[in-house]
Amino acid sequence: MARLKTKLRLYWSLIKSLQTGLLLTTGLAGFMSTGCPVLNWQLVLGVTGSLFLAISGSTVLNMWYDRDIDAKMHRTHHRPLPSGKISPREALLLGLLLASLGVGWATWMDPLYGLVVFAGIFFDVVVYTIWLKRRTAWSIVWGGIAGGMPVLAGRALGTGQIEWIGVLMALGILFWIPTHILTFSMRYHKDYQRAGIPTFPSTYGNRVTLTIIAASSVMAAIMMIAAAYGIGLTIGYLRLMVILSAGLLILAVRCAVKPSQRNSFGLFKYASLYMLGAMMLMMLVV
């Protein structure tokens, strides 16, 4: 029993539970923003389960492929794969199993929903991680596209089509990604250099990186506010969305004007809270 608990804890760390939870929340927000009945627990359970499995599987596959560079970074060398606590074969099989179950469940619920969920895994694992991550700093664009797939999938399931509100929500996440990722890459600049991963700070310098962060924060806020208006949030909730967005913009501008590790990491932490808060507000249309 003790060995089983240890193994489950290792598996849990492979799926990056905080990241997976945030992406899962965006998918649920996309679905619930269509006005779905919350009391239809079977449908909500299906969305939750299929997205959790698909996102977890995608994350495990990324961890499997990146185990060599994780071993070179102080921040990640203790993870189960580079530390040898889980074998590459075991992680690969787990990732494929979770991803397949998630896509299969999603496709069974609705073919379009399943297609978008599959697209998220494809963009994340094949395009971003395997093809581009080690070649160009611009790989984060494709990582952002992958990050927008859960919310787009949720909207597609709820509306039966890919429509403009779902696209706006996905674009909001795409533009949010630089704020989230680039501040992180600035903080762990030496780790990424040690692993040979091209980042915006190493390729273009901190000043350009901070300018991109500020610009992307503006675009993320615009997309989120426009999507909130489109789904019909009341003026009170829209004001809250504006306040959340204003906080993101203020912190982004402060980082650009007064760059420091403290300011950039503060923006990194707020960016996650911003996205979580924005998505929770989107759910209130129900």
Protein backbone atom coordinates (compact mmCIF):
# COMPACT_ATOMS: atom_id res chain seq x y z
CA MET A 1 0.00 0.00 0.00
CA ALA A 2 2.83 2.40 0.87
CA ARG A 3 4.52 1.69 -2.49
CA LEU A 4 1.24 2.35 -4.30
CA LYS A 5 0.80 5.69 -2.55
CA THR A 6 4.36 6.65 -3.43
CA LYS A 7 3.81 5.72 -7.06
CA LEU A 8 0.57 7.71 -7.23
CA ARG A 9 2.31 10.76 -5.76
CA LEU A 10 4.97 10.47 -8.46
CA TYR A 11 2.31 10.19 -11.17
CA TRP A 12 0.52 13.19 -9.70
CA SER A 13 3.68 15.28 -9.93
CA LEU A 14 4.02 14.31 -13.61
CA ILE A 15 0.76 15.99 -14.53
CA LYS A 16 1.71 19.38 -12.99
CA SER A 17 -1.51 19.61 -11.03
CA LEU A 18 -1.62 23.44 -10.74
CA GLN A 19 -1.10 23.94 -14.46
CA THR A 20 -3.54 21.17 -15.31
CA GLY A 21 -6.09 22.60 -12.88
CA LEU A 22 -5.86 26.05 -14.47
CA LEU A 23 -6.31 24.69 -17.99
CA LEU A 24 -9.18 22.51 -16.80
CA THR A 25 -10.83 25.60 -15.31
CA THR A 26 -10.60 27.40 -18.67
CA GLY A 27 -12.28 24.45 -20.39
CA LEU A 28 -15.10 24.37 -17.85
CA ALA A 29 -15.47 28.14 -18.15
CA GLY A 30 -15.78 27.85 -21.91
CA PHE A 31 -18.48 25.21 -21.54
CA MET A 32 -20.40 26.86 -18.71
CA SER A 33 -20.26 30.27 -20.40
CA THR A 34 -22.65 28.88 -23.01
CA GLY A 35 -25.34 28.76 -20.35
CA CYS A 36 -25.17 25.03 -19.77
CA PRO A 37 -27.31 23.69 -16.92
CA VAL A 38 -24.98 23.15 -13.96
CA LEU A 39 -27.40 20.60 -12.53
CA ASN A 40 -26.73 18.33 -15.51
CA TRP A 41 -23.97 16.69 -13.52
CA GLN A 42 -23.41 13.90 -16.04
CA LEU A 43 -22.43 16.40 -18.73
CA VAL A 44 -20.29 18.49 -16.38
CA LEU A 45 -18.59 15.31 -15.16
CA GLY A 46 -17.91 14.30 -18.77
CA VAL A 47 -16.30 17.64 -19.58
CA THR A 48 -14.25 17.58 -16.39
CA GLY A 49 -13.10 14.00 -16.81
CA SER A 50 -12.28 14.13 -20.51
CA LEU A 51 -10.35 17.41 -20.23
CA PHE A 52 -8.50 16.30 -17.11
CA LEU A 53 -7.36 13.10 -18.80
CA ALA A 54 -6.40 14.82 -22.06
CA ILE A 55 -4.52 17.69 -20.40
CA SER A 56 -2.78 15.34 -17.97
CA GLY A 57 -1.76 13.00 -20.77
CA SER A 58 -0.37 15.88 -22.80
CA THR A 59 1.62 17.11 -19.81
CA VAL A 60 3.06 13.68 -19.06
CA LEU A 61 4.12 13.27 -22.71
CA ASN A 62 5.87 16.64 -22.54
CA MET A 63 7.65 15.59 -19.35
CA TRP A 64 8.68 12.33 -21.04
CA TYR A 65 10.16 14.10 -24.07
CA ASP A 66 11.86 16.88 -22.05
CA ARG A 67 13.44 14.59 -19.46
CA ASP A 68 16.94 15.24 -20.84
CA ILE A 69 16.72 19.03 -20.55
CA ASP A 70 14.94 18.77 -17.19
CA ALA A 71 18.02 16.92 -15.91
CA LYS A 72 20.19 19.94 -16.76
CA MET A 73 18.08 22.52 -14.92
CA HIS A 74 18.29 23.16 -11.18
CA ARG A 75 14.55 23.88 -11.09
CA THR A 76 13.54 20.54 -12.64
CA HIS A 77 16.33 17.99 -12.10
CA HIS A 78 14.48 16.46 -9.13
CA ARG A 79 11.39 15.56 -11.18
CA PRO A 80 10.48 11.85 -11.32
CA LEU A 81 11.87 11.23 -14.82
CA PRO A 82 15.30 12.92 -14.66
CA SER A 83 15.80 11.63 -11.11
CA GLY A 84 15.08 8.07 -12.23
CA LYS A 85 12.10 7.51 -9.94
CA ILE A 86 9.91 6.73 -12.96
CA SER A 87 11.23 5.06 -16.12
CA PRO A 88 10.79 6.75 -19.54
CA ARG A 89 8.80 3.76 -20.82
CA GLU A 90 6.42 3.93 -17.87
CA ALA A 91 5.87 7.66 -18.36
CA LEU A 92 5.34 7.28 -22.11
CA LEU A 93 2.73 4.56 -21.62
CA LEU A 94 0.99 6.59 -18.93
CA GLY A 95 0.90 9.71 -21.10
CA LEU A 96 -0.43 7.83 -24.12
CA LEU A 97 -3.06 6.09 -22.00
CA LEU A 98 -4.32 9.30 -20.37
CA ALA A 99 -4.34 11.24 -23.64
CA SER A 100 -6.12 8.45 -25.52
CA LEU A 101 -8.76 8.06 -22.83
CA GLY A 102 -9.35 11.81 -22.75
CA VAL A 103 -9.69 12.18 -26.52
CA GLY A 104 -11.80 9.04 -26.76
CA TRP A 105 -14.17 10.22 -24.04
CA ALA A 106 -14.40 13.68 -25.61
CA THR A 107 -15.10 12.26 -29.09
CA TRP A 108 -17.77 9.98 -27.68
CA MET A 109 -19.47 13.03 -26.15
CA ASP A 110 -19.26 15.08 -29.37
CA PRO A 111 -17.01 14.70 -32.47
CA LEU A 112 -16.24 18.43 -32.75
CA TYR A 113 -15.40 18.61 -29.07
CA GLY A 114 -13.12 15.59 -29.43
CA LEU A 115 -11.41 17.13 -32.47
CA VAL A 116 -10.55 20.34 -30.63
CA VAL A 117 -9.30 18.40 -27.60
CA PHE A 118 -7.09 16.31 -29.91
CA ALA A 119 -5.83 19.50 -31.58
CA GLY A 120 -4.75 20.80 -28.19
CA ILE A 121 -2.64 17.70 -27.55
CA PHE A 122 -1.18 17.79 -31.07
CA PHE A 123 -0.16 21.45 -30.87
CA ASP A 124 1.23 21.04 -27.36
CA VAL A 125 3.19 17.81 -27.73
CA VAL A 126 4.09 17.55 -31.43
CA VAL A 127 4.31 21.16 -32.63
CA TYR A 128 5.43 22.98 -29.48
CA THR A 129 7.46 20.45 -27.48
CA ILE A 130 8.92 18.10 -30.08
CA TRP A 131 9.28 20.38 -33.10
CA LEU A 132 9.83 23.98 -31.98
CA LYS A 133 10.71 24.33 -28.29
CA ARG A 134 14.41 23.57 -28.78
CA ARG A 135 14.65 25.55 -32.02
CA THR A 136 13.07 28.95 -31.50
CA ALA A 137 11.84 31.29 -28.79
CA TRP A 138 8.69 31.79 -30.86
CA SER A 139 7.60 28.29 -29.94
CA ILE A 140 5.57 29.90 -27.14
CA VAL A 141 3.07 31.08 -29.77
CA TRP A 142 2.19 27.46 -30.51
CA GLY A 143 2.23 26.68 -26.83
CA GLY A 144 -0.29 29.49 -26.43
CA ILE A 145 -2.48 28.07 -29.19
CA ALA A 146 -2.41 24.72 -27.39
CA GLY A 147 -3.28 26.47 -24.13
CA GLY A 148 -6.34 28.02 -25.76
CA MET A 149 -7.77 24.70 -26.94
CA PRO A 150 -9.50 23.64 -23.69
CA VAL A 151 -11.62 26.82 -23.52
CA LEU A 152 -12.35 26.59 -27.25
CA ALA A 153 -13.33 22.93 -26.81
CA GLY A 154 -15.68 23.80 -23.97
CA ARG A 155 -17.40 26.49 -26.03
CA ALA A 156 -17.62 24.15 -29.03
CA LEU A 157 -19.31 21.48 -26.93
CA GLY A 158 -21.79 23.95 -25.47
CA THR A 159 -22.70 25.70 -28.73
CA GLY A 160 -22.15 22.91 -31.25
CA GLN A 161 -19.79 25.07 -33.30
CA ILE A 162 -16.61 27.12 -33.22
CA GLU A 163 -17.88 30.68 -32.85
CA TRP A 164 -16.39 34.10 -32.27
CA ILE A 165 -16.73 34.14 -28.48
CA GLY A 166 -14.83 30.88 -28.16
CA VAL A 167 -12.14 32.22 -30.47
CA LEU A 168 -11.87 35.42 -28.39
CA MET A 169 -11.49 33.40 -25.20
CA ALA A 170 -8.81 31.25 -26.83
CA LEU A 171 -7.03 34.38 -28.09
CA GLY A 172 -7.18 35.82 -24.57
CA ILE A 173 -5.23 32.80 -23.35
CA LEU A 174 -2.86 32.98 -26.33
CA PHE A 175 -1.97 36.59 -25.49
CA TRP A 176 -1.86 35.77 -21.77
CA ILE A 177 0.78 33.08 -22.33
CA PRO A 178 3.70 35.55 -22.87
CA THR A 179 2.83 37.32 -19.62
CA HIS A 180 2.88 33.98 -17.84
CA ILE A 181 5.80 32.27 -19.59
CA LEU A 182 8.17 35.12 -20.38
CA THR A 183 8.24 36.39 -16.82
CA PHE A 184 9.04 32.83 -15.78
CA SER A 185 11.83 32.50 -18.36
CA MET A 186 13.34 35.78 -17.12
CA ARG A 187 13.42 34.51 -13.55
CA TYR A 188 15.05 31.20 -14.56
CA HIS A 189 17.16 32.62 -17.39
CA LYS A 190 20.33 30.70 -16.43
CA ASP A 191 18.47 27.41 -16.15
CA TYR A 192 17.13 27.73 -19.69
CA GLN A 193 20.58 28.70 -20.98
CA ARG A 194 22.09 25.67 -19.26
CA ALA A 195 19.55 23.42 -20.99
CA GLY A 196 20.06 25.10 -24.36
CA ILE A 197 16.45 26.27 -24.71
CA PRO A 198 16.07 29.51 -26.70
CA THR A 199 13.96 32.07 -24.86
CA PHE A 200 13.03 35.68 -25.54
CA PRO A 201 15.37 37.01 -22.82
CA SER A 202 18.33 35.09 -24.27
CA THR A 203 17.44 35.84 -27.89
CA TYR A 204 16.19 39.44 -27.78
CA GLY A 205 17.14 40.71 -24.32
CA ASN A 206 15.09 41.72 -21.30
CA ARG A 207 13.98 45.11 -22.65
CA VAL A 208 12.32 43.61 -25.74
CA THR A 209 10.89 40.80 -23.64
CA LEU A 210 9.29 43.24 -21.21
CA THR A 211 7.82 45.25 -24.08
CA ILE A 212 6.27 42.07 -25.50
CA ILE A 213 4.89 41.19 -22.05
CA ALA A 214 3.25 44.61 -21.73
CA ALA A 215 1.77 44.48 -25.25
CA SER A 216 0.48 40.94 -24.84
CA SER A 217 -1.08 41.86 -21.50
CA VAL A 218 -3.02 44.65 -23.20
CA MET A 219 -4.25 42.27 -25.90
CA ALA A 220 -5.17 39.56 -23.36
CA ALA A 221 -7.24 42.06 -21.38
CA ILE A 222 -9.02 43.31 -24.51
CA MET A 223 -9.88 39.78 -25.63
CA MET A 224 -11.16 38.75 -22.21
CA ILE A 225 -13.31 41.84 -21.76
CA ALA A 226 -14.73 41.47 -25.28
CA ALA A 227 -15.53 37.80 -24.64
CA ALA A 228 -17.15 38.64 -21.31
CA TYR A 229 -19.34 41.21 -23.02
CA GLY A 230 -20.19 38.71 -25.76
CA ILE A 231 -21.39 36.02 -23.39
CA GLY A 232 -23.66 38.52 -21.66
CA LEU A 233 -22.06 39.19 -18.28
CA THR A 234 -23.92 41.84 -16.35
CA ILE A 235 -22.40 45.28 -15.85
CA GLY A 236 -21.36 44.42 -12.31
CA TYR A 237 -19.36 41.38 -13.40
CA LEU A 238 -17.95 43.31 -16.35
CA ARG A 239 -16.64 45.91 -13.94
CA LEU A 240 -14.90 43.18 -11.98
CA MET A 241 -13.36 41.91 -15.22
CA VAL A 242 -12.12 45.42 -16.00
CA ILE A 243 -10.62 45.74 -12.52
CA LEU A 244 -8.83 42.40 -12.87
CA SER A 245 -7.53 43.43 -16.29
CA ALA A 246 -6.40 46.81 -14.99
CA GLY A 247 -4.31 45.06 -12.35
CA LEU A 248 -2.64 42.97 -15.06
CA LEU A 249 -1.90 46.05 -17.16
CA ILE A 250 -0.52 48.05 -14.23
CA LEU A 251 1.87 45.27 -13.22
CA ALA A 252 2.95 44.74 -16.85
CA VAL A 253 3.68 48.46 -17.32
CA ARG A 254 5.56 48.57 -14.01
CA CYS A 255 7.75 45.69 -15.19
CA ALA A 256 8.47 47.51 -18.46
CA VAL A 257 9.26 50.83 -16.76
CA LYS A 258 11.07 49.46 -13.70
CA PRO A 259 12.40 46.03 -14.63
CA SER A 260 13.40 43.85 -11.70
CA GLN A 261 13.20 40.21 -10.75
CA ARG A 262 10.74 41.06 -8.00
CA ASN A 263 8.39 42.95 -10.33
CA SER A 264 8.52 40.30 -13.05
CA PHE A 265 7.84 37.45 -10.63
CA GLY A 266 5.00 39.44 -9.06
CA LEU A 267 3.49 39.78 -12.54
CA PHE A 268 3.98 36.04 -13.11
CA LYS A 269 2.04 35.18 -9.95
CA TYR A 270 -0.72 37.70 -10.64
CA ALA A 271 -1.10 36.48 -14.24
CA SER A 272 -2.20 33.04 -13.03
CA LEU A 273 -4.64 34.57 -10.55
CA TYR A 274 -5.94 36.88 -13.28
CA MET A 275 -6.71 34.02 -15.64
CA LEU A 276 -8.34 31.99 -12.88
CA GLY A 277 -10.46 34.97 -11.80
CA ALA A 278 -11.44 35.85 -15.36
CA MET A 279 -12.56 32.31 -16.07
CA MET A 280 -14.52 32.09 -12.85
CA LEU A 281 -16.37 35.26 -13.86
CA MET A 282 -17.15 33.72 -17.26
CA MET A 283 -18.91 30.88 -15.47
CA LEU A 284 -21.33 33.29 -13.79
CA VAL A 285 -23.38 33.64 -16.95
CA VAL A 286 -25.11 30.36 -15.98
